[in-house]
Amino acid sequence: MERTFAVIGLGMFGWKVCQVLMEKGGQVIAFDNRPEQINKIRDIVTQAILLDSTDEDSINEAPFDQVDAAIVAIGDNIEASILTTNLLKQIGVPYIIARAVNKTHFQVLRQIGADEVINIEEDQGSRIALNLIAPSVMDKIALSKKIFLAEMALPDKLKNSTIDSLDLTNRFNLKLTGLRRTVSELDSEGTAVRKEMLLFPSLEDKLMEGDVLILIGSEEDLDSFLKGMEE
């Protein structure tokens, strides 16, 4: 299902989030109070809107009722960041991610209702965008320019399937290198303790609910696998 995101603040970090969300098939409505930034990004995103996000009337008139999540990417203007986050919370945006520039800023954003607060720069913008567009991808590490190692939550449709039946190599050009599985064990006092295990399964082994697949492949092949599991 196609999702729509609002990105408020088109600095270096905000641009990166917009680019990755669009590349991964999301719809992006970009907002900024600088006409030059809006003009630059207009051809990259779904919609670009000039907006003073600290003004309550402007926020109420903007199409935030269309978005699944909003990313407040405003940089060093802490007051604008806080006011924007608060107004988005008031109008009922389902999920709000806000960028903080220091510890106090972080705490205030959490107190006024931001669902997630981050303190990162451009090179992490793609990670945030990927988590939004593909929440089943838990982590992804570049092994080379084209090949990635990805940890991916087991799709529901693959529960109780055997490794052999997945035929990942032929169907998706992916290599399953291992599984992370959480199991419950009893300690010496009979108390249940959850323990995470790294497994290297055989072809006959079955996948279980809660398993995390550790896959290697190109970004395109990983995306194809995700889309195939959603159909």
Protein backbone atom coordinates (compact mmCIF):
# COMPACT_ATOMS: atom_id res chain seq x y z
CA MET A 1 0.00 0.00 0.00
CA GLU A 2 1.39 3.38 -1.01
CA ARG A 3 2.14 5.67 1.93
CA THR A 4 2.32 9.44 2.07
CA PHE A 5 4.87 11.38 4.12
CA ALA A 6 5.26 15.04 5.02
CA VAL A 7 8.79 16.41 5.34
CA ILE A 8 9.02 19.83 7.01
CA GLY A 9 12.35 21.61 6.60
CA LEU A 10 14.43 21.18 3.46
CA GLY A 11 17.97 21.41 4.72
CA MET A 12 20.53 18.71 3.98
CA PHE A 13 18.81 16.13 6.17
CA GLY A 14 15.30 16.90 4.93
CA TRP A 15 16.41 16.66 1.29
CA LYS A 16 17.93 13.24 1.90
CA VAL A 17 14.77 11.93 3.53
CA CYS A 18 12.66 13.23 0.61
CA GLN A 19 14.95 11.64 -1.99
CA VAL A 20 15.02 8.19 -0.41
CA LEU A 21 11.29 8.10 0.30
CA MET A 22 10.54 8.96 -3.33
CA GLU A 23 13.09 6.44 -4.65
CA LYS A 24 11.43 3.71 -2.59
CA GLY A 25 7.96 4.43 -3.91
CA GLY A 26 6.53 6.70 -1.24
CA GLN A 27 4.54 9.87 -1.83
CA VAL A 28 6.20 12.97 -0.32
CA ILE A 29 4.75 16.38 0.45
CA ALA A 30 7.68 18.71 1.17
CA PHE A 31 7.27 21.91 3.21
CA ASP A 32 9.59 24.84 3.81
CA ASN A 33 9.28 28.58 4.47
CA ARG A 34 11.96 29.43 1.88
CA PRO A 35 10.72 29.83 -1.70
CA GLU A 36 14.11 28.91 -3.15
CA GLN A 37 14.07 25.51 -1.41
CA ILE A 38 10.54 24.80 -2.59
CA ASN A 39 11.48 25.65 -6.18
CA LYS A 40 14.54 23.40 -6.06
CA ILE A 41 12.71 20.33 -4.79
CA ARG A 42 9.46 20.77 -6.71
CA ASP A 43 10.41 18.31 -9.46
CA ILE A 44 11.73 15.70 -7.03
CA VAL A 45 8.75 15.21 -4.70
CA THR A 46 5.03 14.60 -5.14
CA GLN A 47 4.11 18.08 -3.94
CA ALA A 48 6.10 21.05 -2.60
CA ILE A 49 4.37 23.69 -0.49
CA LEU A 50 5.62 27.02 0.85
CA LEU A 51 4.58 27.04 4.50
CA ASP A 52 5.28 28.77 7.81
CA SER A 53 4.95 25.65 9.95
CA THR A 54 4.87 27.70 13.16
CA ASP A 55 1.60 29.36 12.15
CA GLU A 56 -1.47 27.51 13.39
CA ASP A 57 -3.77 28.68 10.60
CA SER A 58 -1.25 27.64 7.93
CA ILE A 59 -0.86 24.21 9.49
CA ASN A 60 -4.61 23.72 9.64
CA GLU A 61 -4.98 24.61 5.96
CA ALA A 62 -2.14 22.38 4.73
CA PRO A 63 -2.92 18.79 3.56
CA PHE A 64 -1.61 17.00 6.65
CA ASP A 65 -4.80 14.93 6.78
CA GLN A 66 -3.37 13.02 3.80
CA VAL A 67 -0.12 11.89 5.46
CA ASP A 68 0.74 8.70 7.32
CA ALA A 69 3.77 10.23 9.03
CA ALA A 70 5.51 13.59 9.29
CA ILE A 71 9.23 14.22 9.62
CA VAL A 72 10.12 17.55 11.26
CA ALA A 73 13.58 18.02 9.75
CA ILE A 74 14.03 21.64 10.85
CA GLY A 75 17.65 22.20 11.88
CA ASP A 76 18.97 24.85 14.24
CA ASN A 77 15.74 26.82 14.74
CA ILE A 78 14.75 25.04 17.94
CA GLU A 79 11.69 27.21 18.56
CA ALA A 80 10.30 26.50 15.08
CA SER A 81 10.98 22.78 15.52
CA ILE A 82 9.10 22.65 18.82
CA LEU A 83 6.16 24.76 17.63
CA THR A 84 5.82 22.72 14.44
CA THR A 85 5.90 19.40 16.29
CA ASN A 86 3.32 20.62 18.78
CA LEU A 87 0.96 21.85 16.05
CA LEU A 88 1.26 18.60 14.12
CA LYS A 89 0.40 16.69 17.28
CA GLN A 90 -2.63 18.90 17.86
CA ILE A 91 -4.09 18.25 14.41
CA GLY A 92 -3.67 14.51 14.83
CA VAL A 93 -0.85 13.52 12.48
CA PRO A 94 -0.58 9.72 13.10
CA TYR A 95 3.20 9.49 13.54
CA ILE A 96 5.71 12.32 14.07
CA ILE A 97 9.48 12.08 13.82
CA ALA A 98 11.36 15.18 14.93
CA ARG A 99 15.04 16.08 14.68
CA ALA A 100 16.78 17.37 17.82
CA VAL A 101 20.04 19.31 17.98
CA ASN A 102 20.81 18.88 21.70
CA LYS A 103 19.69 16.96 24.79
CA THR A 104 17.27 19.62 26.04
CA HIS A 105 15.69 19.91 22.60
CA PHE A 106 15.36 16.12 22.53
CA GLN A 107 13.56 16.04 25.90
CA VAL A 108 11.15 18.83 24.98
CA LEU A 109 10.19 17.16 21.70
CA ARG A 110 9.41 13.93 23.53
CA GLN A 111 7.39 15.77 26.17
CA ILE A 112 5.17 17.48 23.60
CA GLY A 113 4.38 14.21 21.89
CA ALA A 114 6.88 13.40 19.13
CA ASP A 115 6.69 9.64 18.53
CA GLU A 116 10.37 9.46 17.64
CA VAL A 117 13.20 11.95 18.15
CA ILE A 118 16.51 11.73 16.28
CA ASN A 119 19.77 13.64 16.41
CA ILE A 120 21.53 12.75 13.18
CA GLU A 121 22.80 14.27 9.93
CA GLU A 122 22.50 13.57 6.21
CA ASP A 123 24.27 10.23 6.12
CA GLN A 124 21.61 8.80 8.45
CA GLY A 125 18.67 10.37 6.62
CA SER A 126 18.41 7.40 4.31
CA ARG A 127 18.16 5.03 7.28
CA ILE A 128 15.18 6.91 8.71
CA ALA A 129 13.49 6.97 5.31
CA LEU A 130 14.06 3.25 4.79
CA ASN A 131 12.55 2.45 8.19
CA LEU A 132 9.45 4.41 7.23
CA ILE A 133 9.01 3.01 3.75
CA ALA A 134 9.94 -0.61 4.67
CA PRO A 135 9.44 -1.18 8.40
CA SER A 136 10.13 -4.92 8.05
CA VAL A 137 13.78 -4.11 7.16
CA MET A 138 15.43 -3.94 10.58
CA ASP A 139 18.91 -2.99 9.39
CA LYS A 140 20.88 -2.83 6.17
CA ILE A 141 24.65 -2.64 5.75
CA ALA A 142 26.46 -1.96 2.48
CA LEU A 143 29.03 -4.65 1.71
CA SER A 144 29.95 -2.99 -1.57
CA LYS A 145 28.45 -0.37 -3.88
CA LYS A 146 25.74 -2.78 -5.01
CA ILE A 147 25.53 -5.57 -2.44
CA PHE A 148 23.89 -5.27 0.99
CA LEU A 149 23.46 -7.42 4.08
CA ALA A 150 19.93 -6.92 5.41
CA GLU A 151 18.13 -8.10 8.53
CA MET A 152 14.46 -8.55 7.71
CA ALA A 153 11.53 -9.59 9.90
CA LEU A 154 9.99 -12.81 8.65
CA PRO A 155 6.94 -12.01 6.47
CA ASP A 156 3.71 -13.56 7.75
CA LYS A 157 3.19 -15.59 4.58
CA LEU A 158 6.49 -17.45 5.13
CA LYS A 159 5.74 -18.76 8.64
CA ASN A 160 6.19 -22.54 8.88
CA SER A 161 7.82 -22.65 5.43
CA THR A 162 10.99 -24.67 5.00
CA ILE A 163 14.18 -22.96 3.86
CA ASP A 164 14.20 -25.18 0.78
CA SER A 165 10.67 -24.15 -0.27
CA LEU A 166 11.65 -20.45 -0.32
CA ASP A 167 14.04 -21.03 -3.23
CA LEU A 168 15.52 -17.57 -2.53
CA THR A 169 18.44 -17.93 -4.91
CA ASN A 170 16.39 -18.79 -8.00
CA ARG A 171 13.34 -16.64 -7.25
CA PHE A 172 14.96 -13.50 -5.85
CA ASN A 173 18.72 -13.86 -6.38
CA LEU A 174 19.24 -13.62 -2.59
CA LYS A 175 21.44 -15.59 -0.22
CA LEU A 176 20.15 -16.52 3.25
CA THR A 177 23.20 -16.45 5.50
CA GLY A 178 21.48 -17.08 8.82
CA LEU A 179 18.54 -16.51 11.16
CA ARG A 180 18.09 -14.69 14.43
CA ARG A 181 15.55 -16.46 16.62
CA THR A 182 14.31 -15.65 20.12
CA VAL A 183 13.42 -18.61 22.34
CA SER A 184 12.25 -18.99 25.92
CA GLU A 185 14.25 -21.11 28.34
CA LEU A 186 13.83 -21.88 32.03
CA ASP A 187 16.59 -20.77 34.38
CA SER A 188 17.67 -22.66 37.50
CA GLU A 189 14.73 -21.19 39.45
CA GLY A 190 12.16 -22.13 36.80
CA THR A 191 11.71 -18.61 35.49
CA ALA A 192 11.22 -18.19 31.76
CA VAL A 193 14.11 -16.26 30.19
CA ARG A 194 14.09 -15.04 26.59
CA LYS A 195 17.30 -15.76 24.71
CA GLU A 196 18.34 -14.71 21.20
CA MET A 197 20.14 -17.27 19.06
CA LEU A 198 21.99 -17.00 15.76
CA LEU A 199 21.17 -20.03 13.61
CA PHE A 200 22.56 -21.42 10.37
CA PRO A 201 19.59 -23.54 9.28
CA SER A 202 19.54 -26.51 6.94
CA LEU A 203 17.24 -26.66 3.92
CA GLU A 204 14.75 -28.82 5.84
CA ASP A 205 14.39 -26.44 8.79
CA LYS A 206 11.12 -24.52 9.22
CA LEU A 207 10.83 -20.80 9.79
CA MET A 208 9.06 -19.67 12.95
CA GLU A 209 7.10 -16.57 13.93
CA GLY A 210 9.50 -13.90 15.19
CA ASP A 211 12.45 -15.10 13.10
CA VAL A 212 14.71 -12.50 11.52
CA LEU A 213 16.16 -13.36 8.11
CA ILE A 214 19.76 -12.36 7.43
CA LEU A 215 19.98 -11.88 3.66
CA ILE A 216 22.65 -10.80 1.18
CA GLY A 217 21.80 -9.33 -2.20
CA SER A 218 21.45 -6.19 -4.27
CA GLU A 219 19.12 -3.41 -3.18
CA GLU A 220 16.89 -4.12 -6.18
CA ASP A 221 16.60 -7.82 -5.33
CA LEU A 222 15.87 -7.08 -1.66
CA ASP A 223 13.14 -4.66 -2.73
CA SER A 224 11.68 -7.25 -5.10
CA PHE A 225 11.55 -9.80 -2.29
CA LEU A 226 9.74 -7.34 -0.01
CA LYS A 227 7.19 -6.47 -2.68
CA GLY A 228 6.65 -10.14 -3.46
CA MET A 229 5.88 -10.87 0.19
CA GLU A 230 3.29 -8.06 0.32
CA GLU A 231 1.27 -9.36 -2.62
